[in-house]
C-alpha cells in the first residue's frame, strides 16, 4: 500500500486563499491590523493539515497583545502542532494534538522571551469534528439555516460571565475588559479545553477565528454571513465586514489582526 503523504499548509499574512480538496472546501484569511506601521507583523497564524485520507486539522493562533514577539509565538505553535501530526499521522489524533500543544507551550516557556498566543483547533475525522482551544480564539459550527451547533467558550472573565448568564451577549461584546485573556499558550498554567466529538452534517459550516473577528462583528451577523452560499464568497464578505467595522470613521471598531478559517463538506459528498 502506498504511504499517505501528510500535507501541511501554514498561513501567515495570507489575505484570502482557498484550498480545494476531494471532499471538502477550505477558505483562509489572515491579515495584520489596519493602521499598523509598514514594518509591523501580523501576530496571527493559521494552518490546515491533512493527516490521512480520513482526517485533517484546522487551527488559528493569535499572538497575545502586550507580550513580546506574538507573531513568533503563534507561528511556532501552529508549526509545532503541524510537525507533530506529520511525524505521527493517524485517523485518531487526540493524543498527538494534546502532546503537540504541550510541546509548543514548553518551547515558548523555555525560549525565555515571554511570548504567548491563543489557539483554536479542530480535529476532523470523516464527518466528526472535535474542538480544542486555549484562550479566546473561537471555534463555531453552524447549520445551513443558521442554527448554532457548536461554539467554544472564551477563556476570559468576560467569556465566562456571558456563558454563565451574568452578562448578556451584547454587554459582553461592548465590555471594556473583553480583551483580557485568562489562559494562553506560553505559560506554566496553560490548560487545553477539549470538546466532545460533534457530527458535522453535509451543509454545516465550521469557523475558526481570532478575536479580531468576534470583537468587531456580532455573532448573528457572522452566522448569517457564513451559513450558506459559496464558501469563498462568504469568506470575502466576512473579511470585508470585519475590516469595514475596524476602519469606520466613528471609531467604534476594534482594529486588530484578523484571521479565520472556513470549512465545509462538498455538497456531493455523502
C-alpha atoms as a PDB file:
ATOM      1  CA  UNK A   1       0.000   0.000   0.000  1.00  0.00           C
ATOM      2  CA  UNK A   2       1.323   3.455  -0.917  1.00  0.00           C
ATOM      3  CA  UNK A   3       2.240   5.575   2.104  1.00  0.00           C
ATOM      4  CA  UNK A   4      -0.001   8.615   2.616  1.00  0.00           C
ATOM      5  CA  UNK A   5       1.882  11.908   2.379  1.00  0.00           C
ATOM      6  CA  UNK A   6       0.798  14.363   5.074  1.00  0.00           C
ATOM      7  CA  UNK A   7       0.044  17.802   3.647  1.00  0.00           C
ATOM      8  CA  UNK A   8       0.808  20.924   5.686  1.00  0.00           C
ATOM      9  CA  UNK A   9      -0.457  24.382   4.716  1.00  0.00           C
ATOM     10  CA  UNK A  10       0.769  27.184   7.000  1.00  0.00           C
ATOM     11  CA  UNK A  11      -0.689  30.663   6.526  1.00  0.00           C
ATOM     12  CA  UNK A  12       0.981  33.840   7.743  1.00  0.00           C
ATOM     13  CA  UNK A  13      -0.486  37.113   6.444  1.00  0.00           C
ATOM     14  CA  UNK A  14      -2.281  35.098   3.780  1.00  0.00           C
ATOM     15  CA  UNK A  15      -5.013  37.542   2.725  1.00  0.00           C
ATOM     16  CA  UNK A  16      -7.626  35.335   1.015  1.00  0.00           C
ATOM     17  CA  UNK A  17      -6.834  31.852  -0.201  1.00  0.00           C
ATOM     18  CA  UNK A  18      -8.889  28.736  -0.826  1.00  0.00           C
ATOM     19  CA  UNK A  19      -7.965  25.074  -0.787  1.00  0.00           C
ATOM     20  CA  UNK A  20      -9.894  22.609  -2.961  1.00  0.00           C
ATOM     21  CA  UNK A  21      -9.851  19.094  -1.528  1.00  0.00           C
ATOM     22  CA  UNK A  22     -11.585  15.995  -2.911  1.00  0.00           C
ATOM     23  CA  UNK A  23     -14.428  16.103  -0.403  1.00  0.00           C
ATOM     24  CA  UNK A  24     -14.050  19.459   1.408  1.00  0.00           C
ATOM     25  CA  UNK A  25     -13.747  23.193   0.826  1.00  0.00           C
ATOM     26  CA  UNK A  26     -11.486  25.433   2.919  1.00  0.00           C
ATOM     27  CA  UNK A  27     -11.069  29.226   2.833  1.00  0.00           C
ATOM     28  CA  UNK A  28      -8.394  31.000   4.885  1.00  0.00           C
ATOM     29  CA  UNK A  29      -7.955  34.724   5.566  1.00  0.00           C
ATOM     30  CA  UNK A  30      -5.224  36.356   7.631  1.00  0.00           C
ATOM     31  CA  UNK A  31      -4.037  39.957   7.692  1.00  0.00           C
ATOM     32  CA  UNK A  32      -2.483  42.416  10.104  1.00  0.00           C
ATOM     33  CA  UNK A  33      -4.499  45.147  11.771  1.00  0.00           C
ATOM     34  CA  UNK A  34      -5.287  48.362   9.908  1.00  0.00           C
ATOM     35  CA  UNK A  35      -3.232  51.459  10.727  1.00  0.00           C
ATOM     36  CA  UNK A  36      -0.150  49.458  11.702  1.00  0.00           C
ATOM     37  CA  UNK A  37       3.316  50.569  10.648  1.00  0.00           C
ATOM     38  CA  UNK A  38       4.516  49.116   7.355  1.00  0.00           C
ATOM     39  CA  UNK A  39       7.242  47.078   9.047  1.00  0.00           C
ATOM     40  CA  UNK A  40       4.964  45.643  11.754  1.00  0.00           C
ATOM     41  CA  UNK A  41       3.969  41.988  11.825  1.00  0.00           C
ATOM     42  CA  UNK A  42       0.690  40.116  11.704  1.00  0.00           C
ATOM     43  CA  UNK A  43       0.682  38.276  15.043  1.00  0.00           C
ATOM     44  CA  UNK A  44      -1.876  35.688  13.873  1.00  0.00           C
ATOM     45  CA  UNK A  45      -1.229  32.398  12.098  1.00  0.00           C
ATOM     46  CA  UNK A  46      -3.365  29.620  10.617  1.00  0.00           C
ATOM     47  CA  UNK A  47      -2.820  26.101   9.347  1.00  0.00           C
ATOM     48  CA  UNK A  48      -4.563  23.257   7.534  1.00  0.00           C
ATOM     49  CA  UNK A  49      -3.007  19.803   7.974  1.00  0.00           C
ATOM     50  CA  UNK A  50      -4.275  16.781   6.049  1.00  0.00           C
ATOM     51  CA  UNK A  51      -3.128  13.902   8.215  1.00  0.00           C
ATOM     52  CA  UNK A  52      -4.673  10.887   6.464  1.00  0.00           C
ATOM     53  CA  UNK A  53      -7.292  10.135   3.805  1.00  0.00           C
ATOM     54  CA  UNK A  54      -9.908  10.382   6.586  1.00  0.00           C
ATOM     55  CA  UNK A  55      -8.593  13.066   8.924  1.00  0.00           C
ATOM     56  CA  UNK A  56      -7.389  16.646   8.969  1.00  0.00           C
ATOM     57  CA  UNK A  57      -6.641  19.510  11.325  1.00  0.00           C
ATOM     58  CA  UNK A  58      -7.605  23.199  11.191  1.00  0.00           C
ATOM     59  CA  UNK A  59      -6.126  25.813  13.510  1.00  0.00           C
ATOM     60  CA  UNK A  60      -5.705  29.531  14.161  1.00  0.00           C
ATOM     61  CA  UNK A  61      -3.413  31.202  16.698  1.00  0.00           C
ATOM     62  CA  UNK A  62      -3.314  34.805  17.907  1.00  0.00           C
ATOM     63  CA  UNK A  63      -0.152  36.210  19.476  1.00  0.00           C
ATOM     64  CA  UNK A  64      -1.154  37.864  22.735  1.00  0.00           C
ATOM     65  CA  UNK A  65      -1.013  41.665  22.730  1.00  0.00           C
ATOM     66  CA  UNK A  66       1.272  43.195  25.319  1.00  0.00           C
ATOM     67  CA  UNK A  67       3.613  40.195  25.159  1.00  0.00           C
ATOM     68  CA  UNK A  68       6.796  40.311  23.035  1.00  0.00           C
ATOM     69  CA  UNK A  69       7.087  38.521  19.684  1.00  0.00           C
ATOM     70  CA  UNK A  70       3.462  37.487  19.428  1.00  0.00           C
ATOM     71  CA  UNK A  71       3.952  36.679  15.761  1.00  0.00           C
ATOM     72  CA  UNK A  72       6.734  34.215  16.611  1.00  0.00           C
ATOM     73  CA  UNK A  73       4.591  32.586  19.314  1.00  0.00           C
ATOM     74  CA  UNK A  74       1.628  31.955  17.013  1.00  0.00           C
ATOM     75  CA  UNK A  75       3.841  30.740  14.171  1.00  0.00           C
ATOM     76  CA  UNK A  76       5.827  28.420  16.459  1.00  0.00           C
ATOM     77  CA  UNK A  77       2.622  26.967  17.891  1.00  0.00           C
ATOM     78  CA  UNK A  78       0.931  26.077  14.606  1.00  0.00           C
ATOM     79  CA  UNK A  79       4.176  24.772  13.102  1.00  0.00           C
ATOM     80  CA  UNK A  80       4.939  22.632  16.172  1.00  0.00           C
ATOM     81  CA  UNK A  81       1.499  21.031  16.047  1.00  0.00           C
ATOM     82  CA  UNK A  82       1.665  20.517  12.266  1.00  0.00           C
ATOM     83  CA  UNK A  83       5.097  18.893  12.586  1.00  0.00           C
ATOM     84  CA  UNK A  84       3.900  16.512  15.313  1.00  0.00           C
ATOM     85  CA  UNK A  85       0.942  15.441  13.166  1.00  0.00           C
ATOM     86  CA  UNK A  86       3.267  14.891  10.187  1.00  0.00           C
ATOM     87  CA  UNK A  87       5.567  12.706  12.285  1.00  0.00           C
ATOM     88  CA  UNK A  88       2.750  10.616  13.778  1.00  0.00           C
ATOM     89  CA  UNK A  89      -0.166  10.702  11.312  1.00  0.00           C
ATOM     90  CA  UNK A  90      -3.263   8.692  12.165  1.00  0.00           C
ATOM     91  CA  UNK A  91      -7.037   8.915  11.953  1.00  0.00           C
ATOM     92  CA  UNK A  92      -7.446   9.426  15.724  1.00  0.00           C
ATOM     93  CA  UNK A  93      -5.280  12.433  16.601  1.00  0.00           C
ATOM     94  CA  UNK A  94      -6.360  13.400  20.123  1.00  0.00           C
ATOM     95  CA  UNK A  95      -3.236  12.241  21.960  1.00  0.00           C
ATOM     96  CA  UNK A  96      -0.909  13.683  19.332  1.00  0.00           C
ATOM     97  CA  UNK A  97      -2.711  17.043  19.418  1.00  0.00           C
ATOM     98  CA  UNK A  98      -2.572  17.335  23.207  1.00  0.00           C
ATOM     99  CA  UNK A  99       1.094  16.338  23.224  1.00  0.00           C
ATOM    100  CA  UNK A 100       1.882  18.860  20.484  1.00  0.00           C
ATOM    101  CA  UNK A 101       0.161  21.731  22.323  1.00  0.00           C
ATOM    102  CA  UNK A 102       2.123  20.854  25.456  1.00  0.00           C
ATOM    103  CA  UNK A 103       5.330  20.833  23.404  1.00  0.00           C
ATOM    104  CA  UNK A 104       4.569  24.268  21.940  1.00  0.00           C
ATOM    105  CA  UNK A 105       3.803  25.603  25.414  1.00  0.00           C
ATOM    106  CA  UNK A 106       7.088  24.243  26.754  1.00  0.00           C
ATOM    107  CA  UNK A 107       9.103  25.621  23.856  1.00  0.00           C
ATOM    108  CA  UNK A 108       7.669  29.104  24.369  1.00  0.00           C
ATOM    109  CA  UNK A 109       8.427  28.999  28.097  1.00  0.00           C
ATOM    110  CA  UNK A 110      11.945  27.665  27.536  1.00  0.00           C
ATOM    111  CA  UNK A 111      12.577  30.343  24.899  1.00  0.00           C
ATOM    112  CA  UNK A 112      12.516  32.925  27.672  1.00  0.00           C
ATOM    113  CA  UNK A 113      11.141  35.742  25.510  1.00  0.00           C
ATOM    114  CA  UNK A 114       7.845  35.880  27.396  1.00  0.00           C
ATOM    115  CA  UNK A 115       5.807  35.482  24.200  1.00  0.00           C
ATOM    116  CA  UNK A 116       2.411  33.774  24.194  1.00  0.00           C
ATOM    117  CA  UNK A 117      -0.530  33.004  21.951  1.00  0.00           C
ATOM    118  CA  UNK A 118      -4.091  31.751  21.920  1.00  0.00           C
ATOM    119  CA  UNK A 119      -5.089  28.680  19.925  1.00  0.00           C
ATOM    120  CA  UNK A 120      -8.292  27.332  18.369  1.00  0.00           C
ATOM    121  CA  UNK A 121      -8.059  23.925  16.730  1.00  0.00           C
ATOM    122  CA  UNK A 122     -10.450  21.404  15.195  1.00  0.00           C
ATOM    123  CA  UNK A 123      -9.747  17.732  14.581  1.00  0.00           C
ATOM    124  CA  UNK A 124     -11.828  16.333  11.706  1.00  0.00           C
ATOM    125  CA  UNK A 125     -12.256  12.595  11.248  1.00  0.00           C
ATOM    126  CA  UNK A 126     -14.603  11.710   8.389  1.00  0.00           C
ATOM    127  CA  UNK A 127     -17.811  13.567   9.374  1.00  0.00           C
ATOM    128  CA  UNK A 128     -16.930  14.044  13.052  1.00  0.00           C
ATOM    129  CA  UNK A 129     -15.307  17.189  14.470  1.00  0.00           C
ATOM    130  CA  UNK A 130     -13.719  17.794  17.864  1.00  0.00           C
ATOM    131  CA  UNK A 131     -12.689  21.275  19.083  1.00  0.00           C
ATOM    132  CA  UNK A 132      -9.683  22.168  21.254  1.00  0.00           C
ATOM    133  CA  UNK A 133      -8.863  25.661  22.440  1.00  0.00           C
ATOM    134  CA  UNK A 134      -6.664  27.785  24.665  1.00  0.00           C
ATOM    135  CA  UNK A 135      -7.640  31.433  25.138  1.00  0.00           C
ATOM    136  CA  UNK A 136     -10.231  33.499  23.288  1.00  0.00           C
ATOM    137  CA  UNK A 137      -9.880  32.378  19.678  1.00  0.00           C
ATOM    138  CA  UNK A 138     -13.167  30.693  18.790  1.00  0.00           C
ATOM    139  CA  UNK A 139     -14.459  27.535  17.112  1.00  0.00           C
ATOM    140  CA  UNK A 140     -18.021  27.734  15.802  1.00  0.00           C
ATOM    141  CA  UNK A 141     -20.180  25.372  13.713  1.00  0.00           C
ATOM    142  CA  UNK A 142     -23.483  26.479  12.179  1.00  0.00           C
ATOM    143  CA  UNK A 143     -26.162  24.772  10.115  1.00  0.00           C
ATOM    144  CA  UNK A 144     -27.403  25.946   6.722  1.00  0.00           C
ATOM    145  CA  UNK A 145     -30.453  27.582   8.341  1.00  0.00           C
ATOM    146  CA  UNK A 146     -28.356  29.395  10.931  1.00  0.00           C
ATOM    147  CA  UNK A 147     -28.623  27.011  13.879  1.00  0.00           C
ATOM    148  CA  UNK A 148     -25.602  27.359  16.169  1.00  0.00           C
ATOM    149  CA  UNK A 149     -24.430  23.790  16.768  1.00  0.00           C
ATOM    150  CA  UNK A 150     -21.089  24.446  18.453  1.00  0.00           C
ATOM    151  CA  UNK A 151     -19.288  27.427  19.972  1.00  0.00           C
ATOM    152  CA  UNK A 152     -16.325  27.346  22.321  1.00  0.00           C
ATOM    153  CA  UNK A 153     -16.321  29.478  25.467  1.00  0.00           C
ATOM    154  CA  UNK A 154     -13.502  32.020  25.575  1.00  0.00           C
ATOM    155  CA  UNK A 155     -11.014  31.624  28.407  1.00  0.00           C
ATOM    156  CA  UNK A 156     -11.585  35.130  29.711  1.00  0.00           C
ATOM    157  CA  UNK A 157     -13.508  36.800  32.529  1.00  0.00           C
ATOM    158  CA  UNK A 158     -15.995  38.264  30.047  1.00  0.00           C
ATOM    159  CA  UNK A 159     -16.355  34.966  28.176  1.00  0.00           C
ATOM    160  CA  UNK A 160     -17.128  33.090  31.383  1.00  0.00           C
ATOM    161  CA  UNK A 161     -19.575  35.796  32.507  1.00  0.00           C
ATOM    162  CA  UNK A 162     -21.512  35.621  29.225  1.00  0.00           C
ATOM    163  CA  UNK A 163     -21.609  31.799  29.383  1.00  0.00           C
ATOM    164  CA  UNK A 164     -22.913  31.944  32.967  1.00  0.00           C
ATOM    165  CA  UNK A 165     -25.595  34.493  32.078  1.00  0.00           C
ATOM    166  CA  UNK A 166     -24.086  37.229  34.254  1.00  0.00           C
ATOM    167  CA  UNK A 167     -23.576  39.355  31.143  1.00  0.00           C
ATOM    168  CA  UNK A 168     -25.704  39.341  28.011  1.00  0.00           C
ATOM    169  CA  UNK A 169     -24.034  38.762  24.658  1.00  0.00           C
ATOM    170  CA  UNK A 170     -24.492  42.456  23.830  1.00  0.00           C
ATOM    171  CA  UNK A 171     -22.951  43.514  27.160  1.00  0.00           C
ATOM    172  CA  UNK A 172     -20.018  41.160  26.641  1.00  0.00           C
ATOM    173  CA  UNK A 173     -19.491  42.468  23.113  1.00  0.00           C
ATOM    174  CA  UNK A 174     -19.075  46.023  24.408  1.00  0.00           C
ATOM    175  CA  UNK A 175     -17.326  45.257  27.701  1.00  0.00           C
ATOM    176  CA  UNK A 176     -14.136  47.254  28.369  1.00  0.00           C
ATOM    177  CA  UNK A 177     -12.341  44.137  29.656  1.00  0.00           C
ATOM    178  CA  UNK A 178     -13.230  41.941  26.679  1.00  0.00           C
ATOM    179  CA  UNK A 179      -9.551  41.861  25.656  1.00  0.00           C
ATOM    180  CA  UNK A 180      -8.401  40.204  28.904  1.00  0.00           C
ATOM    181  CA  UNK A 181      -7.498  36.504  28.491  1.00  0.00           C
ATOM    182  CA  UNK A 182      -7.003  34.108  31.403  1.00  0.00           C
ATOM    183  CA  UNK A 183      -5.405  31.124  29.641  1.00  0.00           C
ATOM    184  CA  UNK A 184      -2.706  31.230  26.939  1.00  0.00           C
ATOM    185  CA  UNK A 185      -0.076  29.048  25.315  1.00  0.00           C
ATOM    186  CA  UNK A 186       3.327  30.046  26.697  1.00  0.00           C
ATOM    187  CA  UNK A 187       2.602  29.984  30.427  1.00  0.00           C
ATOM    188  CA  UNK A 188       3.127  27.308  33.133  1.00  0.00           C
ATOM    189  CA  UNK A 189      -0.582  27.176  33.988  1.00  0.00           C
ATOM    190  CA  UNK A 190      -1.770  26.646  30.408  1.00  0.00           C
ATOM    191  CA  UNK A 191      -4.636  24.165  30.023  1.00  0.00           C
ATOM    192  CA  UNK A 192      -6.446  22.845  26.978  1.00  0.00           C
ATOM    193  CA  UNK A 193     -10.232  22.635  26.747  1.00  0.00           C
ATOM    194  CA  UNK A 194     -11.133  19.648  24.571  1.00  0.00           C
ATOM    195  CA  UNK A 195     -14.733  19.372  23.448  1.00  0.00           C
ATOM    196  CA  UNK A 196     -16.786  16.287  22.741  1.00  0.00           C
ATOM    197  CA  UNK A 197     -16.969  14.921  19.170  1.00  0.00           C
ATOM    198  CA  UNK A 198     -19.746  16.509  17.099  1.00  0.00           C
ATOM    199  CA  UNK A 199     -21.346  15.118  13.944  1.00  0.00           C
ATOM    200  CA  UNK A 200     -20.963  17.529  11.034  1.00  0.00           C
ATOM    201  CA  UNK A 201     -23.911  17.479   8.647  1.00  0.00           C
ATOM    202  CA  UNK A 202     -23.453  17.922   4.910  1.00  0.00           C
ATOM    203  CA  UNK A 203     -24.374  21.624   4.824  1.00  0.00           C
ATOM    204  CA  UNK A 204     -22.794  22.698   8.129  1.00  0.00           C
ATOM    205  CA  UNK A 205     -20.033  25.316   8.145  1.00  0.00           C
ATOM    206  CA  UNK A 206     -17.085  25.359  10.545  1.00  0.00           C
ATOM    207  CA  UNK A 207     -15.436  28.631  11.530  1.00  0.00           C
ATOM    208  CA  UNK A 208     -12.202  29.110  13.473  1.00  0.00           C
ATOM    209  CA  UNK A 209     -11.327  32.737  14.157  1.00  0.00           C
ATOM    210  CA  UNK A 210      -9.177  35.044  16.247  1.00  0.00           C
ATOM    211  CA  UNK A 211     -10.750  37.809  18.311  1.00  0.00           C
ATOM    212  CA  UNK A 212     -10.234  40.325  15.514  1.00  0.00           C
ATOM    213  CA  UNK A 213     -13.442  38.900  14.061  1.00  0.00           C
ATOM    214  CA  UNK A 214     -15.562  38.428  17.196  1.00  0.00           C
ATOM    215  CA  UNK A 215     -14.570  41.790  18.695  1.00  0.00           C
ATOM    216  CA  UNK A 216     -15.935  43.572  15.615  1.00  0.00           C
ATOM    217  CA  UNK A 217     -18.926  41.598  14.386  1.00  0.00           C
ATOM    218  CA  UNK A 218     -21.821  40.274  16.499  1.00  0.00           C
ATOM    219  CA  UNK A 219     -22.453  36.546  16.464  1.00  0.00           C
ATOM    220  CA  UNK A 220     -25.734  36.767  14.492  1.00  0.00           C
ATOM    221  CA  UNK A 221     -24.074  38.688  11.667  1.00  0.00           C
ATOM    222  CA  UNK A 222     -21.203  36.206  11.489  1.00  0.00           C
ATOM    223  CA  UNK A 223     -23.627  33.277  11.382  1.00  0.00           C
ATOM    224  CA  UNK A 224     -25.789  34.862   8.692  1.00  0.00           C
ATOM    225  CA  UNK A 225     -22.706  35.531   6.538  1.00  0.00           C
ATOM    226  CA  UNK A 226     -21.245  32.022   6.666  1.00  0.00           C
ATOM    227  CA  UNK A 227     -24.258  29.696   6.919  1.00  0.00           C
ATOM    228  CA  UNK A 228     -24.877  29.159   3.199  1.00  0.00           C
ATOM    229  CA  UNK A 229     -23.735  30.085  -0.297  1.00  0.00           C
ATOM    230  CA  UNK A 230     -20.355  29.848  -1.967  1.00  0.00           C
ATOM    231  CA  UNK A 231     -17.706  29.400   0.731  1.00  0.00           C
ATOM    232  CA  UNK A 232     -15.090  31.720  -0.751  1.00  0.00           C
ATOM    233  CA  UNK A 233     -17.718  34.393  -1.363  1.00  0.00           C
ATOM    234  CA  UNK A 234     -18.831  34.070   2.262  1.00  0.00           C
ATOM    235  CA  UNK A 235     -15.226  34.366   3.417  1.00  0.00           C
ATOM    236  CA  UNK A 236     -14.694  37.520   1.362  1.00  0.00           C
ATOM    237  CA  UNK A 237     -17.900  39.047   2.732  1.00  0.00           C
ATOM    238  CA  UNK A 238     -16.874  38.192   6.306  1.00  0.00           C
ATOM    239  CA  UNK A 239     -13.418  39.722   5.875  1.00  0.00           C
ATOM    240  CA  UNK A 240     -14.851  42.876   4.306  1.00  0.00           C
ATOM    241  CA  UNK A 241     -17.448  43.337   7.049  1.00  0.00           C
ATOM    242  CA  UNK A 242     -14.843  42.993   9.798  1.00  0.00           C
ATOM    243  CA  UNK A 243     -12.378  45.295   8.031  1.00  0.00           C
ATOM    244  CA  UNK A 244     -15.063  47.931   7.397  1.00  0.00           C
ATOM    245  CA  UNK A 245     -16.004  47.849  11.084  1.00  0.00           C
ATOM    246  CA  UNK A 246     -12.381  48.209  12.210  1.00  0.00           C
ATOM    247  CA  UNK A 247     -11.842  51.204   9.914  1.00  0.00           C
ATOM    248  CA  UNK A 248     -15.179  53.011  10.168  1.00  0.00           C
ATOM    249  CA  UNK A 249     -14.864  56.780  10.881  1.00  0.00           C
ATOM    250  CA  UNK A 250     -16.921  56.536  14.088  1.00  0.00           C
ATOM    251  CA  UNK A 251     -14.050  54.729  15.783  1.00  0.00           C
ATOM    252  CA  UNK A 252     -16.391  52.117  17.263  1.00  0.00           C
ATOM    253  CA  UNK A 253     -14.469  49.235  15.719  1.00  0.00           C
ATOM    254  CA  UNK A 254     -11.516  47.476  17.359  1.00  0.00           C
ATOM    255  CA  UNK A 255      -8.566  47.395  14.950  1.00  0.00           C
ATOM    256  CA  UNK A 256      -6.744  44.085  15.325  1.00  0.00           C
ATOM    257  CA  UNK A 257      -5.070  41.352  13.339  1.00  0.00           C
ATOM    258  CA  UNK A 258      -7.767  39.272  11.660  1.00  0.00           C
ATOM    259  CA  UNK A 259      -7.544  35.553  10.878  1.00  0.00           C
ATOM    260  CA  UNK A 260     -10.179  32.938  10.205  1.00  0.00           C
ATOM    261  CA  UNK A 261     -10.662  29.547   8.558  1.00  0.00           C
ATOM    262  CA  UNK A 262     -13.952  28.430   6.999  1.00  0.00           C
ATOM    263  CA  UNK A 263     -14.558  24.733   6.297  1.00  0.00           C
ATOM    264  CA  UNK A 264     -17.427  22.860   4.672  1.00  0.00           C
ATOM    265  CA  UNK A 265     -18.024  19.403   3.220  1.00  0.00           C
ATOM    266  CA  UNK A 266     -18.691  19.459  -0.500  1.00  0.00           C
ATOM    267  CA  UNK A 267     -22.348  19.167  -1.423  1.00  0.00           C
ATOM    268  CA  UNK A 268     -21.858  15.996  -3.455  1.00  0.00           C
ATOM    269  CA  UNK A 269     -20.113  14.238  -0.530  1.00  0.00           C
ATOM    270  CA  UNK A 270     -22.152  11.521   1.162  1.00  0.00           C
END
